[in-house]
C-alpha atoms as a PDB file:
ATOM      1  CA  UNK A   1     -10.853  -8.568   0.996  1.00  0.00           C
ATOM      2  CA  UNK A   2      -7.820  -8.666  -1.275  1.00  0.00           C
ATOM      3  CA  UNK A   3      -5.143 -11.284  -0.678  1.00  0.00           C
ATOM      4  CA  UNK A   4      -1.600 -11.393  -2.031  1.00  0.00           C
ATOM      5  CA  UNK A   5       1.555 -13.406  -1.629  1.00  0.00           C
ATOM      6  CA  UNK A   6       5.160 -12.158  -1.702  1.00  0.00           C
ATOM      7  CA  UNK A   7       8.189 -14.329  -2.319  1.00  0.00           C
ATOM      8  CA  UNK A   8      11.746 -14.109  -3.597  1.00  0.00           C
ATOM      9  CA  UNK A   9      12.108 -14.270  -7.368  1.00  0.00           C
ATOM     10  CA  UNK A  10      14.400 -17.326  -7.235  1.00  0.00           C
ATOM     11  CA  UNK A  11      12.064 -19.194  -4.872  1.00  0.00           C
ATOM     12  CA  UNK A  12      10.469 -22.009  -6.837  1.00  0.00           C
ATOM     13  CA  UNK A  13       9.020 -23.934  -3.877  1.00  0.00           C
ATOM     14  CA  UNK A  14       6.690 -21.556  -2.014  1.00  0.00           C
ATOM     15  CA  UNK A  15       3.199 -20.407  -3.045  1.00  0.00           C
ATOM     16  CA  UNK A  16       2.992 -22.679  -6.097  1.00  0.00           C
ATOM     17  CA  UNK A  17      -0.724 -23.376  -5.700  1.00  0.00           C
ATOM     18  CA  UNK A  18      -1.901 -19.743  -5.474  1.00  0.00           C
ATOM     19  CA  UNK A  19       0.366 -18.900  -8.407  1.00  0.00           C
ATOM     20  CA  UNK A  20      -1.035 -21.716 -10.562  1.00  0.00           C
ATOM     21  CA  UNK A  21      -4.570 -20.701  -9.690  1.00  0.00           C
ATOM     22  CA  UNK A  22      -3.876 -17.164 -10.923  1.00  0.00           C
ATOM     23  CA  UNK A  23      -3.831 -15.359  -7.593  1.00  0.00           C
ATOM     24  CA  UNK A  24      -1.648 -12.310  -6.993  1.00  0.00           C
ATOM     25  CA  UNK A  25       1.786 -13.742  -6.212  1.00  0.00           C
ATOM     26  CA  UNK A  26       4.473 -11.075  -6.362  1.00  0.00           C
ATOM     27  CA  UNK A  27       8.120 -12.016  -6.825  1.00  0.00           C
ATOM     28  CA  UNK A  28      10.823  -9.687  -5.567  1.00  0.00           C
ATOM     29  CA  UNK A  29      14.122  -9.642  -7.404  1.00  0.00           C
ATOM     30  CA  UNK A  30      15.668  -7.596  -4.603  1.00  0.00           C
ATOM     31  CA  UNK A  31      14.634  -8.552  -1.035  1.00  0.00           C
ATOM     32  CA  UNK A  32      15.640  -5.059   0.107  1.00  0.00           C
ATOM     33  CA  UNK A  33      12.451  -3.824  -1.631  1.00  0.00           C
ATOM     34  CA  UNK A  34      10.183  -5.734   0.761  1.00  0.00           C
ATOM     35  CA  UNK A  35       8.956  -2.679   2.686  1.00  0.00           C
ATOM     36  CA  UNK A  36       8.349  -0.771  -0.531  1.00  0.00           C
ATOM     37  CA  UNK A  37       6.282  -3.663  -1.930  1.00  0.00           C
ATOM     38  CA  UNK A  38       4.280  -3.993   1.308  1.00  0.00           C
ATOM     39  CA  UNK A  39       3.462  -0.271   1.237  1.00  0.00           C
ATOM     40  CA  UNK A  40       2.437  -0.534  -2.427  1.00  0.00           C
ATOM     41  CA  UNK A  41       0.140  -3.515  -1.787  1.00  0.00           C
ATOM     42  CA  UNK A  42      -1.506  -1.844   1.198  1.00  0.00           C
ATOM     43  CA  UNK A  43      -2.105   1.330  -0.828  1.00  0.00           C
ATOM     44  CA  UNK A  44      -3.791  -0.898  -3.424  1.00  0.00           C
ATOM     45  CA  UNK A  45      -6.168  -2.193  -0.714  1.00  0.00           C
ATOM     46  CA  UNK A  46      -4.601  -5.612  -0.132  1.00  0.00           C
ATOM     47  CA  UNK A  47      -5.425  -6.348   3.489  1.00  0.00           C
ATOM     48  CA  UNK A  48      -4.125  -9.921   3.792  1.00  0.00           C
ATOM     49  CA  UNK A  49      -0.545 -10.548   2.720  1.00  0.00           C
ATOM     50  CA  UNK A  50       1.290 -13.840   2.956  1.00  0.00           C
ATOM     51  CA  UNK A  51       5.053 -13.451   2.924  1.00  0.00           C
ATOM     52  CA  UNK A  52       7.840 -16.001   3.125  1.00  0.00           C
ATOM     53  CA  UNK A  53      10.054 -15.983   6.186  1.00  0.00           C
ATOM     54  CA  UNK A  54      13.057 -15.321   3.939  1.00  0.00           C
ATOM     55  CA  UNK A  55      11.576 -12.098   2.541  1.00  0.00           C
ATOM     56  CA  UNK A  56      10.009 -11.014   5.859  1.00  0.00           C
ATOM     57  CA  UNK A  57      13.453 -10.871   7.428  1.00  0.00           C
ATOM     58  CA  UNK A  58      14.236  -7.878   5.188  1.00  0.00           C
ATOM     59  CA  UNK A  59      11.293  -5.829   6.472  1.00  0.00           C
ATOM     60  CA  UNK A  60      11.291  -3.479   9.420  1.00  0.00           C
ATOM     61  CA  UNK A  61       7.725  -2.303   8.729  1.00  0.00           C
ATOM     62  CA  UNK A  62       6.115  -5.654   9.555  1.00  0.00           C
ATOM     63  CA  UNK A  63       6.856  -5.100  13.232  1.00  0.00           C
ATOM     64  CA  UNK A  64       7.225  -1.320  13.459  1.00  0.00           C
ATOM     65  CA  UNK A  65       4.389  -0.167  11.215  1.00  0.00           C
ATOM     66  CA  UNK A  66       1.824  -2.916  10.633  1.00  0.00           C
ATOM     67  CA  UNK A  67       2.012  -5.010  13.802  1.00  0.00           C
ATOM     68  CA  UNK A  68      -0.716  -3.059  15.594  1.00  0.00           C
ATOM     69  CA  UNK A  69      -2.886  -2.333  12.553  1.00  0.00           C
ATOM     70  CA  UNK A  70      -6.043  -4.457  12.893  1.00  0.00           C
ATOM     71  CA  UNK A  71      -7.034  -3.807   9.274  1.00  0.00           C
ATOM     72  CA  UNK A  72      -3.864  -5.337   7.823  1.00  0.00           C
ATOM     73  CA  UNK A  73      -2.965  -9.007   8.274  1.00  0.00           C
ATOM     74  CA  UNK A  74       0.581  -9.978   7.373  1.00  0.00           C
ATOM     75  CA  UNK A  75       1.174 -13.686   7.701  1.00  0.00           C
ATOM     76  CA  UNK A  76       4.769 -14.929   7.711  1.00  0.00           C
ATOM     77  CA  UNK A  77       5.011 -18.441   6.359  1.00  0.00           C
ATOM     78  CA  UNK A  78       7.643 -21.068   6.938  1.00  0.00           C
ATOM     79  CA  UNK A  79       9.867 -21.694   3.921  1.00  0.00           C
ATOM     80  CA  UNK A  80       9.524 -25.038   2.207  1.00  0.00           C
ATOM     81  CA  UNK A  81      12.748 -26.921   1.881  1.00  0.00           C
END
């Protein structure tokens, strides 16, 4: 099982702990690239992906493509304020 986290590049509040522990936290400079990053991670065998609500709103694939895939778990997290 490979786990990753995706957040916006300017987000300095979410996923601090996994980042400090050296886990795979990916920062997107352009939220429009969310679907491209999801596809890339899934091709690289990441099957559990945590994504901030802010970034998830830019993806159409979360619902259309991966919603019914039992092998892929995409977890949308609430943004910290």
